[in-house]
Every structure is written in C-alpha cells, then in structure tokens.
Amino acid sequence: MKTYQFESVIKENGIIILPNEISKLSNHRVKLILVDLEAFRASPPQVFSEITGQYAALDEEDLDITEIYRQREISHERGIVFA
C-alpha cells in the first residue's frame, strides 16, 4: 500500500483534477479522504492569538518547579522510565 498527498480544487461540476503522476494508478482501487482546506486558511497571527487566548483562559495554578525538584531531592523517588 502506498499513500499520496496532493492538493486539488473541486470544479463546479464535481470533477477533481489529479496530478499526472497518479495516472499510473489507473484501474486501481483507491480510497479518497477529502479535507476541506478552506476551513484551515486562518492567518498565522490569528491562530497564534487563539491558542494563547485558550492558554490564558486555563484556570490552573502554575507549577513551582523549584518545589518539585526540592521534593525529589528529599524523596529520591523517581519512576522507571524504560523497562
């Protein structure tokens, strides 16, 4: 199984134009998954503003990393990372 990724535009009559390199797949059974890219065309600054806004809206206390390391020094407990 091989995968191919490309962008195309659906014409008004519903036809999707495929790149020439896909012609080698003629008579092959394929599965198409369409992703409407128009929904993802937001400007990078707008996306960044939305992400930082969502982060700022979190109602959680910040972690005190100094205290976390101090507790580790006292307990000497660390979980196994690789088994």
C-alpha atoms as a PDB file:
ATOM      1  CA  MET A   1       0.000   0.000   0.000  1.00  0.00           C
ATOM      2  CA  LYS A   2       1.318   3.441  -0.901  1.00  0.00           C
ATOM      3  CA  THR A   3      -0.023   6.852   0.030  1.00  0.00           C
ATOM      4  CA  TYR A   4      -0.005  10.037  -1.999  1.00  0.00           C
ATOM      5  CA  GLN A   5      -0.641  13.554  -0.831  1.00  0.00           C
ATOM      6  CA  PHE A   6      -1.549  16.456  -3.083  1.00  0.00           C
ATOM      7  CA  GLU A   7      -3.889  19.405  -3.222  1.00  0.00           C
ATOM      8  CA  SER A   8      -6.542  19.941  -5.849  1.00  0.00           C
ATOM      9  CA  VAL A   9      -9.654  22.019  -6.409  1.00  0.00           C
ATOM     10  CA  ILE A  10     -13.096  20.531  -6.974  1.00  0.00           C
ATOM     11  CA  LYS A  11     -14.573  22.052 -10.128  1.00  0.00           C
ATOM     12  CA  GLU A  12     -18.164  23.314 -10.217  1.00  0.00           C
ATOM     13  CA  ASN A  13     -19.257  20.090 -11.932  1.00  0.00           C
ATOM     14  CA  GLY A  14     -17.731  17.992  -9.107  1.00  0.00           C
ATOM     15  CA  ILE A  15     -14.649  16.834 -11.035  1.00  0.00           C
ATOM     16  CA  ILE A  16     -11.375  16.625  -9.128  1.00  0.00           C
ATOM     17  CA  ILE A  17      -8.272  17.064 -11.282  1.00  0.00           C
ATOM     18  CA  LEU A  18      -5.486  14.650 -10.254  1.00  0.00           C
ATOM     19  CA  PRO A  19      -1.760  15.126 -10.933  1.00  0.00           C
ATOM     20  CA  ASN A  20      -0.279  13.212 -13.909  1.00  0.00           C
ATOM     21  CA  GLU A  21       1.818  11.022 -11.588  1.00  0.00           C
ATOM     22  CA  ILE A  22      -1.407   9.449 -10.313  1.00  0.00           C
ATOM     23  CA  SER A  23      -2.215   8.101 -13.806  1.00  0.00           C
ATOM     24  CA  LYS A  24      -0.083   5.022 -13.032  1.00  0.00           C
ATOM     25  CA  LEU A  25      -2.878   4.052 -10.641  1.00  0.00           C
ATOM     26  CA  SER A  26      -5.471   3.731 -13.393  1.00  0.00           C
ATOM     27  CA  ASN A  27      -7.760   0.762 -12.752  1.00  0.00           C
ATOM     28  CA  HIS A  28      -6.503   0.522  -9.139  1.00  0.00           C
ATOM     29  CA  ARG A  29      -8.945   0.551  -6.253  1.00  0.00           C
ATOM     30  CA  VAL A  30      -8.231   3.673  -4.148  1.00  0.00           C
ATOM     31  CA  LYS A  31      -9.756   5.386  -1.143  1.00  0.00           C
ATOM     32  CA  LEU A  32     -10.125   9.167  -1.127  1.00  0.00           C
ATOM     33  CA  ILE A  33     -10.326  11.222   2.046  1.00  0.00           C
ATOM     34  CA  LEU A  34     -11.199  14.838   1.388  1.00  0.00           C
ATOM     35  CA  VAL A  35     -10.130  17.588   3.761  1.00  0.00           C
ATOM     36  CA  ASP A  36     -11.699  20.995   3.137  1.00  0.00           C
ATOM     37  CA  LEU A  37      -8.643  23.246   3.399  1.00  0.00           C
ATOM     38  CA  GLU A  38     -10.744  26.392   3.244  1.00  0.00           C
ATOM     39  CA  ALA A  39     -11.596  25.868   6.913  1.00  0.00           C
ATOM     40  CA  PHE A  40      -7.877  25.930   7.763  1.00  0.00           C
ATOM     41  CA  ARG A  41      -6.917  29.136   5.915  1.00  0.00           C
ATOM     42  CA  ALA A  42      -6.745  31.307   9.047  1.00  0.00           C
ATOM     43  CA  SER A  43      -3.819  33.693   9.220  1.00  0.00           C
ATOM     44  CA  PRO A  44      -0.900  32.571  11.438  1.00  0.00           C
ATOM     45  CA  PRO A  45      -1.259  35.579  13.796  1.00  0.00           C
ATOM     46  CA  GLN A  46      -4.956  34.774  14.251  1.00  0.00           C
ATOM     47  CA  VAL A  47      -4.188  31.113  15.016  1.00  0.00           C
ATOM     48  CA  PHE A  48      -1.470  32.168  17.482  1.00  0.00           C
ATOM     49  CA  SER A  49      -3.862  34.592  19.185  1.00  0.00           C
ATOM     50  CA  GLU A  50      -6.492  31.874  19.533  1.00  0.00           C
ATOM     51  CA  ILE A  51      -4.003  29.409  21.035  1.00  0.00           C
ATOM     52  CA  THR A  52      -2.583  31.935  23.507  1.00  0.00           C
ATOM     53  CA  GLY A  53      -6.113  33.038  24.392  1.00  0.00           C
ATOM     54  CA  GLN A  54      -7.116  29.464  25.176  1.00  0.00           C
ATOM     55  CA  TYR A  55      -3.961  29.002  27.250  1.00  0.00           C
ATOM     56  CA  ALA A  56      -4.594  32.224  29.166  1.00  0.00           C
ATOM     57  CA  ALA A  57      -8.138  31.065  29.896  1.00  0.00           C
ATOM     58  CA  LEU A  58      -6.901  27.972  31.775  1.00  0.00           C
ATOM     59  CA  ASP A  59      -7.783  28.274  35.431  1.00  0.00           C
ATOM     60  CA  GLU A  60      -4.914  26.325  36.977  1.00  0.00           C
ATOM     61  CA  GLU A  61      -2.099  27.230  39.293  1.00  0.00           C
ATOM     62  CA  ASP A  62       1.379  27.375  37.768  1.00  0.00           C
ATOM     63  CA  LEU A  63       3.743  24.591  38.757  1.00  0.00           C
ATOM     64  CA  ASP A  64       6.508  25.564  41.165  1.00  0.00           C
ATOM     65  CA  ILE A  65       9.436  23.773  39.538  1.00  0.00           C
ATOM     66  CA  THR A  66      11.785  24.684  42.384  1.00  0.00           C
ATOM     67  CA  GLU A  67       9.489  22.974  44.871  1.00  0.00           C
ATOM     68  CA  ILE A  68       9.119  19.941  42.619  1.00  0.00           C
ATOM     69  CA  TYR A  69      12.905  19.470  42.455  1.00  0.00           C
ATOM     70  CA  ARG A  70      13.247  20.064  46.195  1.00  0.00           C
ATOM     71  CA  GLN A  71      10.688  17.320  46.881  1.00  0.00           C
ATOM     72  CA  ARG A  72      12.549  14.965  44.545  1.00  0.00           C
ATOM     73  CA  GLU A  73      15.795  15.546  46.426  1.00  0.00           C
ATOM     74  CA  ILE A  74      14.071  14.678  49.691  1.00  0.00           C
ATOM     75  CA  SER A  75      12.194  11.600  48.493  1.00  0.00           C
ATOM     76  CA  HIS A  76      14.703  10.197  45.971  1.00  0.00           C
ATOM     77  CA  GLU A  77      11.731   8.603  44.266  1.00  0.00           C
ATOM     78  CA  ARG A  78      11.722   8.511  40.519  1.00  0.00           C
ATOM     79  CA  GLY A  79       9.678   6.184  38.400  1.00  0.00           C
ATOM     80  CA  ILE A  80      11.201   3.766  35.915  1.00  0.00           C
ATOM     81  CA  VAL A  81      11.404   5.454  32.535  1.00  0.00           C
ATOM     82  CA  PHE A  82      12.339   2.424  30.415  1.00  0.00           C
ATOM     83  CA  ALA A  83      11.553  -1.145  31.327  1.00  0.00           C
END
